[in-house]
Amino acid sequence: MSEGKRRIDRIMSDEFTTGLEGLDIDEVRRRRDECRDELDHLSMLRRYVQVRAEILKGEVDRRKGGGTDPDISLVDHLTQILTQEGQYERVSRGAAAIRLQPPDEEMSLARRRVEKLVAEQGVTDPAGMSDEQLATAARNLAVEERTVSDDRSAAIVILTKLQDELKRRFKDDPSAAIVS
């Protein structure tokens, strides 16, 4: 399997799930764990992008005179966005159990990627952006969210393949489920 690529590239390569039945169980577990890590990263990244998009949407609504109270600060608006119960939580159709707390490294990577995108778009102060800049930034965030969601969906399919292989092995040999 090729090394030196981004984790998502390794996971998406055909080599990652081809010939699983011939691999040592520890290697299948390692690949499953790597895929879970990427899924955690993508889930956090998607959430960051969605929150940024909601901030922009709030600014658009504020300018149109709807939705957000013009006297509410950006921080207060962000608090409202983050406390909207269940807005971004969707149960995926895959076999992935999302860990309660993604590793700090994953959160940091996701945050840096979104911060870079935001900096490139000049979205640090939505209230100071022109309508055109706001619309462009919103479109770019929507494209990013779609890309991340597509990668996330693909990672779920791959994780399911890996978990199915492990389940097959555990069914054939229940003692294989014991991690040494």
Protein backbone atom coordinates (compact mmCIF):
# COMPACT_ATOMS: atom_id res chain seq x y z
CA MET A 1 0.00 0.00 0.00
CA SER A 2 1.37 3.41 -0.91
CA GLU A 3 2.66 5.54 1.94
CA GLY A 4 3.25 9.28 2.18
CA LYS A 5 -0.24 10.24 1.01
CA ARG A 6 -2.92 11.86 3.07
CA ARG A 7 -4.85 9.41 5.21
CA ILE A 8 -8.02 9.93 3.15
CA ASP A 9 -6.05 9.04 0.00
CA ARG A 10 -4.75 5.82 1.59
CA ILE A 11 -8.22 4.84 2.76
CA MET A 12 -9.83 5.59 -0.60
CA SER A 13 -7.24 3.60 -2.55
CA ASP A 14 -8.42 0.27 -3.93
CA GLU A 15 -5.52 -1.38 -2.10
CA PHE A 16 -7.00 -0.49 1.30
CA THR A 17 -9.86 -3.00 1.12
CA THR A 18 -8.69 -5.39 -1.60
CA GLY A 19 -7.74 -8.84 -0.32
CA LEU A 20 -8.85 -8.27 3.25
CA GLU A 21 -9.48 -11.99 3.74
CA GLY A 22 -5.75 -12.64 3.21
CA LEU A 23 -4.56 -10.08 5.74
CA ASP A 24 -3.59 -10.75 9.32
CA ILE A 25 -6.41 -9.80 11.71
CA ASP A 26 -4.20 -7.18 13.36
CA GLU A 27 -3.74 -5.48 9.99
CA VAL A 28 -7.50 -5.45 9.38
CA ARG A 29 -7.99 -3.92 12.83
CA ARG A 30 -5.27 -1.33 12.13
CA ARG A 31 -6.98 -0.34 8.89
CA ARG A 32 -10.35 -0.18 10.64
CA ASP A 33 -8.87 2.09 13.30
CA GLU A 34 -7.22 4.29 10.65
CA CYS A 35 -10.55 4.56 8.85
CA ARG A 36 -12.32 5.44 12.12
CA ASP A 37 -9.76 8.17 12.76
CA GLU A 38 -10.39 9.62 9.32
CA LEU A 39 -14.14 9.42 9.84
CA ASP A 40 -13.78 11.29 13.14
CA HIS A 41 -11.68 13.91 11.40
CA LEU A 42 -14.17 14.31 8.56
CA SER A 43 -17.11 14.51 10.96
CA MET A 44 -15.43 17.26 12.95
CA LEU A 45 -14.36 19.07 9.79
CA ARG A 46 -17.89 18.96 8.42
CA ARG A 47 -19.26 20.33 11.67
CA TYR A 48 -16.77 23.23 11.62
CA VAL A 49 -17.70 24.05 8.02
CA GLN A 50 -21.41 23.89 8.81
CA VAL A 51 -21.03 26.24 11.77
CA ARG A 52 -19.10 28.74 9.63
CA ALA A 53 -21.81 28.52 6.97
CA GLU A 54 -24.47 29.15 9.63
CA ILE A 55 -22.59 32.26 10.77
CA LEU A 56 -22.64 33.56 7.19
CA LYS A 57 -26.31 32.65 6.82
CA GLY A 58 -27.03 34.54 10.04
CA GLU A 59 -25.30 37.62 8.63
CA VAL A 60 -27.29 37.36 5.40
CA ASP A 61 -30.53 37.04 7.41
CA ARG A 62 -29.53 39.96 9.60
CA ARG A 63 -28.97 42.14 6.53
CA LYS A 64 -32.31 41.14 5.08
CA GLY A 65 -33.95 42.06 8.37
CA GLY A 66 -35.01 38.54 9.19
CA GLY A 67 -33.82 35.82 11.48
CA THR A 68 -31.00 37.22 13.56
CA ASP A 69 -31.50 40.24 15.79
CA PRO A 70 -29.10 42.97 14.59
CA ASP A 71 -28.25 43.73 18.23
CA ILE A 72 -26.96 40.19 18.84
CA SER A 73 -23.18 39.95 18.74
CA LEU A 74 -21.39 37.43 16.56
CA VAL A 75 -20.39 35.48 19.70
CA ASP A 76 -24.02 35.35 20.89
CA HIS A 77 -25.13 34.26 17.43
CA LEU A 78 -22.49 31.53 17.40
CA THR A 79 -23.73 30.37 20.80
CA GLN A 80 -27.26 30.13 19.38
CA ILE A 81 -25.99 28.11 16.42
CA LEU A 82 -24.03 25.68 18.55
CA THR A 83 -26.90 25.08 20.96
CA GLN A 84 -29.51 24.28 18.32
CA GLU A 85 -30.22 20.76 19.38
CA GLY A 86 -29.44 18.04 16.91
CA GLN A 87 -29.11 20.31 13.88
CA TYR A 88 -26.00 18.57 12.57
CA GLU A 89 -26.36 15.18 14.13
CA ARG A 90 -27.48 12.62 11.60
CA VAL A 91 -27.40 8.91 12.09
CA SER A 92 -25.42 7.41 9.28
CA ARG A 93 -26.60 4.26 7.60
CA GLY A 94 -23.20 2.65 8.06
CA ALA A 95 -21.79 0.62 10.88
CA ALA A 96 -19.78 3.43 12.37
CA ALA A 97 -20.08 4.15 16.04
CA ILE A 98 -18.89 7.71 16.50
CA ARG A 99 -16.56 8.10 19.43
CA LEU A 100 -17.71 10.61 22.00
CA GLN A 101 -14.57 12.73 21.77
CA PRO A 102 -12.44 12.79 18.64
CA PRO A 103 -8.71 12.81 19.39
CA ASP A 104 -7.24 16.28 19.93
CA GLU A 105 -5.05 15.84 16.84
CA GLU A 106 -8.14 15.23 14.69
CA MET A 107 -9.88 18.31 16.07
CA SER A 108 -6.79 20.39 15.51
CA LEU A 109 -6.42 19.22 11.89
CA ALA A 110 -10.08 19.93 11.15
CA ARG A 111 -9.93 23.34 12.81
CA ARG A 112 -6.78 24.32 10.86
CA ARG A 113 -8.34 23.29 7.55
CA VAL A 114 -11.46 25.37 8.17
CA GLU A 115 -9.45 28.31 9.52
CA LYS A 116 -7.37 28.26 6.33
CA LEU A 117 -10.50 28.22 4.19
CA VAL A 118 -12.04 31.01 6.27
CA ALA A 119 -8.86 33.10 6.07
CA GLU A 120 -8.72 32.64 2.30
CA GLN A 121 -12.31 33.86 2.06
CA GLY A 122 -11.82 36.73 4.50
CA VAL A 123 -14.65 35.43 6.67
CA THR A 124 -13.13 36.52 9.97
CA ASP A 125 -15.65 39.38 10.18
CA PRO A 126 -18.86 38.57 8.28
CA ALA A 127 -20.42 41.90 9.26
CA GLY A 128 -17.58 43.71 7.47
CA MET A 129 -18.00 41.79 4.23
CA SER A 130 -19.82 43.07 1.18
CA ASP A 131 -22.91 41.18 0.04
CA GLU A 132 -20.90 39.80 -2.89
CA GLN A 133 -18.06 38.63 -0.63
CA LEU A 134 -20.57 37.05 1.71
CA ALA A 135 -22.29 35.19 -1.14
CA THR A 136 -18.95 33.96 -2.55
CA ALA A 137 -17.78 32.76 0.86
CA ALA A 138 -21.09 30.98 1.45
CA ARG A 139 -20.82 29.22 -1.94
CA ASN A 140 -17.24 28.14 -1.21
CA LEU A 141 -18.21 26.79 2.20
CA ALA A 142 -21.10 24.88 0.60
CA VAL A 143 -18.66 23.29 -1.89
CA GLU A 144 -16.30 22.39 0.97
CA GLU A 145 -19.15 20.89 2.99
CA ARG A 146 -20.24 18.78 0.00
CA THR A 147 -16.67 17.55 -0.58
CA VAL A 148 -16.22 16.64 3.08
CA SER A 149 -19.63 14.94 3.19
CA ASP A 150 -18.79 12.89 0.08
CA ASP A 151 -15.45 11.82 1.60
CA ARG A 152 -17.22 11.00 4.86
CA SER A 153 -19.80 8.85 3.06
CA ALA A 154 -17.03 6.99 1.25
CA ALA A 155 -15.16 6.45 4.54
CA ILE A 156 -18.33 4.96 6.07
CA VAL A 157 -18.59 2.48 3.20
CA ILE A 158 -14.94 1.50 3.65
CA LEU A 159 -15.30 1.19 7.42
CA THR A 160 -18.32 -1.04 6.90
CA LYS A 161 -16.26 -3.35 4.63
CA LEU A 162 -13.54 -3.59 7.26
CA GLN A 163 -16.02 -4.25 10.05
CA ASP A 164 -17.82 -6.85 7.94
CA GLU A 165 -14.51 -8.68 7.45
CA LEU A 166 -13.86 -8.62 11.18
CA LYS A 167 -17.40 -9.86 11.91
CA ARG A 168 -16.94 -12.69 9.41
CA ARG A 169 -13.75 -13.74 11.15
CA PHE A 170 -15.32 -13.50 14.59
CA LYS A 171 -18.23 -15.66 13.43
CA ASP A 172 -15.83 -18.26 12.02
CA ASP A 173 -13.58 -18.11 15.11
CA PRO A 174 -15.06 -16.37 18.17
CA SER A 175 -11.66 -16.42 19.87
CA ALA A 176 -10.43 -13.96 17.19
CA ALA A 177 -12.55 -11.27 18.85
CA ILE A 178 -10.23 -11.28 21.83
CA VAL A 179 -7.62 -8.57 21.48
CA SER A 180 -4.27 -9.64 22.83
